[in-house]
Amino acid sequence: MSKIDPNEVYTTKEAQEFLKISTSTTKRLLKKGIIKAHKVGGTYRIWGSEILKLVSPELESKVYNVYKRVREKTKKTIEKW
């Protein structure tokens, strides 16, 4: 699997192989709603566009911004002690 098609539907195993993540990480991402999926016949199906969102630079910058806010808040809390 060299290229993800945004309009293709993938199994959780295919998504794991593309993202190089474990089964437990996949379950955690599905449970927290980070990856949106549909359950079909007892198994999850994931749109390619959802997989591509996880590896996009836009998501990375959003995560970094959240991290910076949490870090600053933690610093302020520690300084109050």
C-alpha atoms as a PDB file:
ATOM      1  CA  MET A   1       0.000   0.000   0.000  1.00  0.00           C
ATOM      2  CA  SER A   2       1.992   2.959  -1.230  1.00  0.00           C
ATOM      3  CA  LYS A   3      -0.683   5.604  -1.635  1.00  0.00           C
ATOM      4  CA  ILE A   4      -3.881   6.325   0.282  1.00  0.00           C
ATOM      5  CA  ASP A   5      -6.896   7.237  -1.810  1.00  0.00           C
ATOM      6  CA  PRO A   6      -9.149   9.687   0.098  1.00  0.00           C
ATOM      7  CA  ASN A   7     -12.261   8.136  -1.448  1.00  0.00           C
ATOM      8  CA  GLU A   8     -11.299   4.530  -0.685  1.00  0.00           C
ATOM      9  CA  VAL A   9     -12.482   2.585   2.368  1.00  0.00           C
ATOM     10  CA  TYR A  10      -9.834   0.745   4.404  1.00  0.00           C
ATOM     11  CA  THR A  11      -9.888  -1.845   7.160  1.00  0.00           C
ATOM     12  CA  THR A  12      -8.285  -1.156  10.528  1.00  0.00           C
ATOM     13  CA  LYS A  13      -5.424  -3.496   9.624  1.00  0.00           C
ATOM     14  CA  GLU A  14      -4.697  -1.575   6.420  1.00  0.00           C
ATOM     15  CA  ALA A  15      -4.794   1.717   8.342  1.00  0.00           C
ATOM     16  CA  GLN A  16      -2.416   0.286  10.966  1.00  0.00           C
ATOM     17  CA  GLU A  17       0.045  -0.792   8.291  1.00  0.00           C
ATOM     18  CA  PHE A  18      -0.019   2.601   6.614  1.00  0.00           C
ATOM     19  CA  LEU A  19       0.320   4.583   9.856  1.00  0.00           C
ATOM     20  CA  LYS A  20       2.739   2.052  11.385  1.00  0.00           C
ATOM     21  CA  ILE A  21       0.845   1.888  14.672  1.00  0.00           C
ATOM     22  CA  SER A  22      -0.160  -0.999  16.926  1.00  0.00           C
ATOM     23  CA  THR A  23      -3.585  -2.536  17.344  1.00  0.00           C
ATOM     24  CA  SER A  24      -3.981  -0.971  20.789  1.00  0.00           C
ATOM     25  CA  THR A  25      -3.142   2.479  19.418  1.00  0.00           C
ATOM     26  CA  THR A  26      -5.685   2.012  16.639  1.00  0.00           C
ATOM     27  CA  LYS A  27      -8.345   1.045  19.175  1.00  0.00           C
ATOM     28  CA  ARG A  28      -7.488   4.076  21.305  1.00  0.00           C
ATOM     29  CA  LEU A  29      -7.717   6.443  18.318  1.00  0.00           C
ATOM     30  CA  LEU A  30     -11.084   4.954  17.323  1.00  0.00           C
ATOM     31  CA  LYS A  31     -12.445   5.065  20.889  1.00  0.00           C
ATOM     32  CA  LYS A  32     -11.433   8.708  21.397  1.00  0.00           C
ATOM     33  CA  GLY A  33     -12.883   9.687  18.019  1.00  0.00           C
ATOM     34  CA  ILE A  34      -9.558  10.844  16.593  1.00  0.00           C
ATOM     35  CA  ILE A  35     -10.154   8.518  13.657  1.00  0.00           C
ATOM     36  CA  LYS A  36     -13.759   8.495  12.511  1.00  0.00           C
ATOM     37  CA  ALA A  37     -14.879   5.074  11.324  1.00  0.00           C
ATOM     38  CA  HIS A  38     -18.029   3.138  10.546  1.00  0.00           C
ATOM     39  CA  LYS A  39     -18.750  -0.302  11.902  1.00  0.00           C
ATOM     40  CA  VAL A  40     -19.756  -2.731   9.171  1.00  0.00           C
ATOM     41  CA  GLY A  41     -20.496  -6.332  10.048  1.00  0.00           C
ATOM     42  CA  GLY A  42     -18.644  -6.118  13.354  1.00  0.00           C
ATOM     43  CA  THR A  43     -15.484  -4.530  11.943  1.00  0.00           C
ATOM     44  CA  TYR A  44     -14.506  -0.921  11.469  1.00  0.00           C
ATOM     45  CA  ARG A  45     -14.070   0.690   8.056  1.00  0.00           C
ATOM     46  CA  ILE A  46     -12.088   3.894   7.728  1.00  0.00           C
ATOM     47  CA  TRP A  47     -12.205   6.388   4.860  1.00  0.00           C
ATOM     48  CA  GLY A  48      -8.834   7.216   3.335  1.00  0.00           C
ATOM     49  CA  SER A  49      -9.463  10.908   3.982  1.00  0.00           C
ATOM     50  CA  GLU A  50      -9.554  10.186   7.744  1.00  0.00           C
ATOM     51  CA  ILE A  51      -6.176   8.440   7.545  1.00  0.00           C
ATOM     52  CA  LEU A  52      -4.708  11.321   5.563  1.00  0.00           C
ATOM     53  CA  LYS A  53      -5.910  13.821   8.180  1.00  0.00           C
ATOM     54  CA  LEU A  54      -3.724  12.090  10.773  1.00  0.00           C
ATOM     55  CA  VAL A  55      -0.549  12.535   8.744  1.00  0.00           C
ATOM     56  CA  SER A  56      -1.261  16.043   7.489  1.00  0.00           C
ATOM     57  CA  PRO A  57       0.981  18.949   8.548  1.00  0.00           C
ATOM     58  CA  GLU A  58      -2.129  20.913   9.564  1.00  0.00           C
ATOM     59  CA  LEU A  59      -2.923  18.432  12.328  1.00  0.00           C
ATOM     60  CA  GLU A  60       0.672  18.484  13.504  1.00  0.00           C
ATOM     61  CA  SER A  61       0.635  22.266  13.888  1.00  0.00           C
ATOM     62  CA  LYS A  62      -2.671  22.114  15.814  1.00  0.00           C
ATOM     63  CA  VAL A  63      -1.237  19.506  18.174  1.00  0.00           C
ATOM     64  CA  TYR A  64       1.882  21.604  18.722  1.00  0.00           C
ATOM     65  CA  ASN A  65      -0.207  24.678  19.539  1.00  0.00           C
ATOM     66  CA  VAL A  66      -2.189  22.710  22.125  1.00  0.00           C
ATOM     67  CA  TYR A  67       1.056  21.373  23.563  1.00  0.00           C
ATOM     68  CA  LYS A  68       2.459  24.916  23.905  1.00  0.00           C
ATOM     69  CA  ARG A  69      -0.667  26.104  25.741  1.00  0.00           C
ATOM     70  CA  VAL A  70      -0.562  23.156  28.149  1.00  0.00           C
ATOM     71  CA  ARG A  71       3.154  23.693  28.763  1.00  0.00           C
ATOM     72  CA  GLU A  72       2.667  27.387  29.555  1.00  0.00           C
ATOM     73  CA  LYS A  73      -0.260  26.648  31.853  1.00  0.00           C
ATOM     74  CA  THR A  74       1.821  24.032  33.671  1.00  0.00           C
ATOM     75  CA  LYS A  75       4.706  26.493  34.088  1.00  0.00           C
ATOM     76  CA  LYS A  76       2.378  29.102  35.594  1.00  0.00           C
ATOM     77  CA  THR A  77       0.882  26.565  37.976  1.00  0.00           C
ATOM     78  CA  ILE A  78       4.330  25.433  39.136  1.00  0.00           C
ATOM     79  CA  GLU A  79       5.466  29.027  39.636  1.00  0.00           C
ATOM     80  CA  LYS A  80       2.497  29.633  41.979  1.00  0.00           C
ATOM     81  CA  TRP A  81       3.713  26.862  44.271  1.00  0.00           C
END
